[in-house]
Structures are given as structure tokens and as C-alpha cells.
C-alpha atoms as a PDB file:
ATOM      1  CA  UNK A   1      -8.343   7.696   6.814  1.00  0.00           C
ATOM      2  CA  UNK A   2     -12.042   6.848   6.774  1.00  0.00           C
ATOM      3  CA  UNK A   3     -12.072   7.089   2.980  1.00  0.00           C
ATOM      4  CA  UNK A   4     -10.205   3.793   2.588  1.00  0.00           C
ATOM      5  CA  UNK A   5     -13.236   2.014   4.052  1.00  0.00           C
ATOM      6  CA  UNK A   6     -15.291   3.409   1.164  1.00  0.00           C
ATOM      7  CA  UNK A   7     -13.004   2.028  -1.552  1.00  0.00           C
ATOM      8  CA  UNK A   8     -15.049   0.095  -4.104  1.00  0.00           C
ATOM      9  CA  UNK A   9     -18.198   0.972  -2.170  1.00  0.00           C
ATOM     10  CA  UNK A  10     -18.674   4.724  -2.581  1.00  0.00           C
ATOM     11  CA  UNK A  11     -16.072   5.050  -5.351  1.00  0.00           C
ATOM     12  CA  UNK A  12     -14.000   2.754  -7.548  1.00  0.00           C
ATOM     13  CA  UNK A  13     -10.301   2.090  -7.178  1.00  0.00           C
ATOM     14  CA  UNK A  14      -7.985  -0.392  -8.847  1.00  0.00           C
ATOM     15  CA  UNK A  15      -6.742  -2.327  -5.827  1.00  0.00           C
ATOM     16  CA  UNK A  16      -6.975  -5.992  -6.759  1.00  0.00           C
ATOM     17  CA  UNK A  17     -10.569  -6.418  -5.586  1.00  0.00           C
ATOM     18  CA  UNK A  18     -13.798  -6.429  -7.601  1.00  0.00           C
ATOM     19  CA  UNK A  19     -14.617  -3.003  -9.041  1.00  0.00           C
ATOM     20  CA  UNK A  20     -18.251  -1.877  -8.883  1.00  0.00           C
ATOM     21  CA  UNK A  21     -18.666  -0.753 -12.497  1.00  0.00           C
ATOM     22  CA  UNK A  22     -21.610   1.489 -11.581  1.00  0.00           C
ATOM     23  CA  UNK A  23     -19.133   3.607  -9.587  1.00  0.00           C
ATOM     24  CA  UNK A  24     -16.676   3.986 -12.473  1.00  0.00           C
ATOM     25  CA  UNK A  25     -16.665   7.489 -13.891  1.00  0.00           C
ATOM     26  CA  UNK A  26     -16.177   7.873 -17.637  1.00  0.00           C
ATOM     27  CA  UNK A  27     -14.733  11.208 -18.661  1.00  0.00           C
ATOM     28  CA  UNK A  28     -14.563  12.367 -22.270  1.00  0.00           C
ATOM     29  CA  UNK A  29     -11.249  14.022 -23.004  1.00  0.00           C
ATOM     30  CA  UNK A  30     -11.007  16.282 -26.043  1.00  0.00           C
ATOM     31  CA  UNK A  31      -8.431  15.535 -28.724  1.00  0.00           C
ATOM     32  CA  UNK A  32      -5.095  17.211 -28.011  1.00  0.00           C
ATOM     33  CA  UNK A  33      -5.530  17.172 -24.239  1.00  0.00           C
ATOM     34  CA  UNK A  34      -3.450  15.120 -21.826  1.00  0.00           C
ATOM     35  CA  UNK A  35      -4.518  12.785 -19.049  1.00  0.00           C
ATOM     36  CA  UNK A  36      -2.196  12.081 -16.124  1.00  0.00           C
ATOM     37  CA  UNK A  37      -2.789   9.145 -13.779  1.00  0.00           C
ATOM     38  CA  UNK A  38      -0.660   7.739 -10.991  1.00  0.00           C
ATOM     39  CA  UNK A  39      -0.744   5.449  -8.001  1.00  0.00           C
ATOM     40  CA  UNK A  40      -0.934   6.817  -4.479  1.00  0.00           C
ATOM     41  CA  UNK A  41       2.861   6.659  -4.238  1.00  0.00           C
ATOM     42  CA  UNK A  42       2.729  10.111  -5.837  1.00  0.00           C
ATOM     43  CA  UNK A  43       1.046  12.338  -3.256  1.00  0.00           C
ATOM     44  CA  UNK A  44       1.212  15.292  -5.653  1.00  0.00           C
ATOM     45  CA  UNK A  45       0.115  14.519  -9.206  1.00  0.00           C
ATOM     46  CA  UNK A  46       1.663  17.093 -11.523  1.00  0.00           C
ATOM     47  CA  UNK A  47       1.737  17.516 -15.321  1.00  0.00           C
ATOM     48  CA  UNK A  48       5.093  15.759 -15.785  1.00  0.00           C
ATOM     49  CA  UNK A  49       6.878  12.842 -14.163  1.00  0.00           C
ATOM     50  CA  UNK A  50       9.833  15.104 -13.352  1.00  0.00           C
ATOM     51  CA  UNK A  51       7.600  17.606 -11.530  1.00  0.00           C
ATOM     52  CA  UNK A  52       5.865  14.805  -9.609  1.00  0.00           C
ATOM     53  CA  UNK A  53       9.225  13.251  -8.658  1.00  0.00           C
ATOM     54  CA  UNK A  54      10.571  16.644  -7.527  1.00  0.00           C
ATOM     55  CA  UNK A  55       7.511  17.241  -5.337  1.00  0.00           C
ATOM     56  CA  UNK A  56       7.908  13.758  -3.844  1.00  0.00           C
ATOM     57  CA  UNK A  57      11.621  14.372  -3.194  1.00  0.00           C
ATOM     58  CA  UNK A  58      10.797  17.626  -1.380  1.00  0.00           C
ATOM     59  CA  UNK A  59       8.140  15.872   0.712  1.00  0.00           C
ATOM     60  CA  UNK A  60      10.467  13.017   1.651  1.00  0.00           C
ATOM     61  CA  UNK A  61      13.098  15.543   2.760  1.00  0.00           C
ATOM     62  CA  UNK A  62      10.675  17.504   4.968  1.00  0.00           C
ATOM     63  CA  UNK A  63       8.254  14.804   6.179  1.00  0.00           C
ATOM     64  CA  UNK A  64       9.756  11.310   5.685  1.00  0.00           C
ATOM     65  CA  UNK A  65       7.407   9.776   8.258  1.00  0.00           C
ATOM     66  CA  UNK A  66       4.344  11.310   6.549  1.00  0.00           C
ATOM     67  CA  UNK A  67       3.020  12.694   9.822  1.00  0.00           C
ATOM     68  CA  UNK A  68       2.818  16.449   9.322  1.00  0.00           C
ATOM     69  CA  UNK A  69       2.888  17.844   5.791  1.00  0.00           C
ATOM     70  CA  UNK A  70       1.365  14.755   4.189  1.00  0.00           C
ATOM     71  CA  UNK A  71      -0.613  12.435   6.452  1.00  0.00           C
ATOM     72  CA  UNK A  72      -0.334   8.855   5.258  1.00  0.00           C
ATOM     73  CA  UNK A  73      -0.619   5.359   6.652  1.00  0.00           C
ATOM     74  CA  UNK A  74       3.123   4.798   6.553  1.00  0.00           C
ATOM     75  CA  UNK A  75       6.374   6.683   6.245  1.00  0.00           C
ATOM     76  CA  UNK A  76       9.661   5.726   4.657  1.00  0.00           C
ATOM     77  CA  UNK A  77      10.867   2.401   6.045  1.00  0.00           C
ATOM     78  CA  UNK A  78      14.581   1.817   6.644  1.00  0.00           C
ATOM     79  CA  UNK A  79      16.259   0.764   3.393  1.00  0.00           C
ATOM     80  CA  UNK A  80      13.516   2.221   1.171  1.00  0.00           C
ATOM     81  CA  UNK A  81      13.740   5.365  -0.931  1.00  0.00           C
ATOM     82  CA  UNK A  82      10.048   6.294  -0.598  1.00  0.00           C
ATOM     83  CA  UNK A  83       6.983   5.465   1.477  1.00  0.00           C
ATOM     84  CA  UNK A  84       5.174   3.546  -1.275  1.00  0.00           C
ATOM     85  CA  UNK A  85       5.712   2.023  -4.704  1.00  0.00           C
ATOM     86  CA  UNK A  86       4.637   4.244  -7.565  1.00  0.00           C
ATOM     87  CA  UNK A  87       3.565   4.269 -11.183  1.00  0.00           C
ATOM     88  CA  UNK A  88       2.890   7.305 -13.388  1.00  0.00           C
ATOM     89  CA  UNK A  89       1.361   7.533 -16.834  1.00  0.00           C
ATOM     90  CA  UNK A  90       0.671  10.539 -19.059  1.00  0.00           C
ATOM     91  CA  UNK A  91      -1.383  10.112 -22.222  1.00  0.00           C
ATOM     92  CA  UNK A  92      -1.989  12.627 -24.984  1.00  0.00           C
ATOM     93  CA  UNK A  93      -5.149  12.083 -26.970  1.00  0.00           C
ATOM     94  CA  UNK A  94      -4.586  12.511 -30.697  1.00  0.00           C
END
């Protein structure tokens, strides 16, 4: 978990704190290609929301505490359906 100490120092993340713009990577995406982005509530980022949700469902069934298959800072708390909130976006460049 050492990488979290490097957030917005060695690399940029959107986490509510100042973002060091010199660490932001700009990637040119050719027309017709897709870009998929998600929050860390999706441990497996796949080409579609359905595929990402299915992978998350499988993980939560096999490792709900996130201590073996997917090491994370927290597991599923009582009353929750997942270990973290999540957002997913897929864009197609036209």
C-alpha cells in the first residue's frame, strides 16, 4: 500500500486534493477508439460496465474482505453491497 503515499507526488490522481499538473499524462486517442475510466471501486477495469460489474461480483463472492485475491484497504462492511463506491465511464472518440 506504499503507492498511496505517492498520490499527487509521483503521479496524479483525482482525490479532492491539489493535482500536480506536471504529473498529468496526456494521451492522444485516435478517432474511433474507446477510452474506459473508473474509480478504484472497480478492481478490474474491463471494456464494458457489465463485464466490470460481473468481475466485481465474482470477487465479492470469493474474497469479500479483500484479503486474498484482491488486497485492499477495506472489505465489504455490513449493510454494504461492495467494498467501495464506484463510477465507470466509457467514451468513444468520433
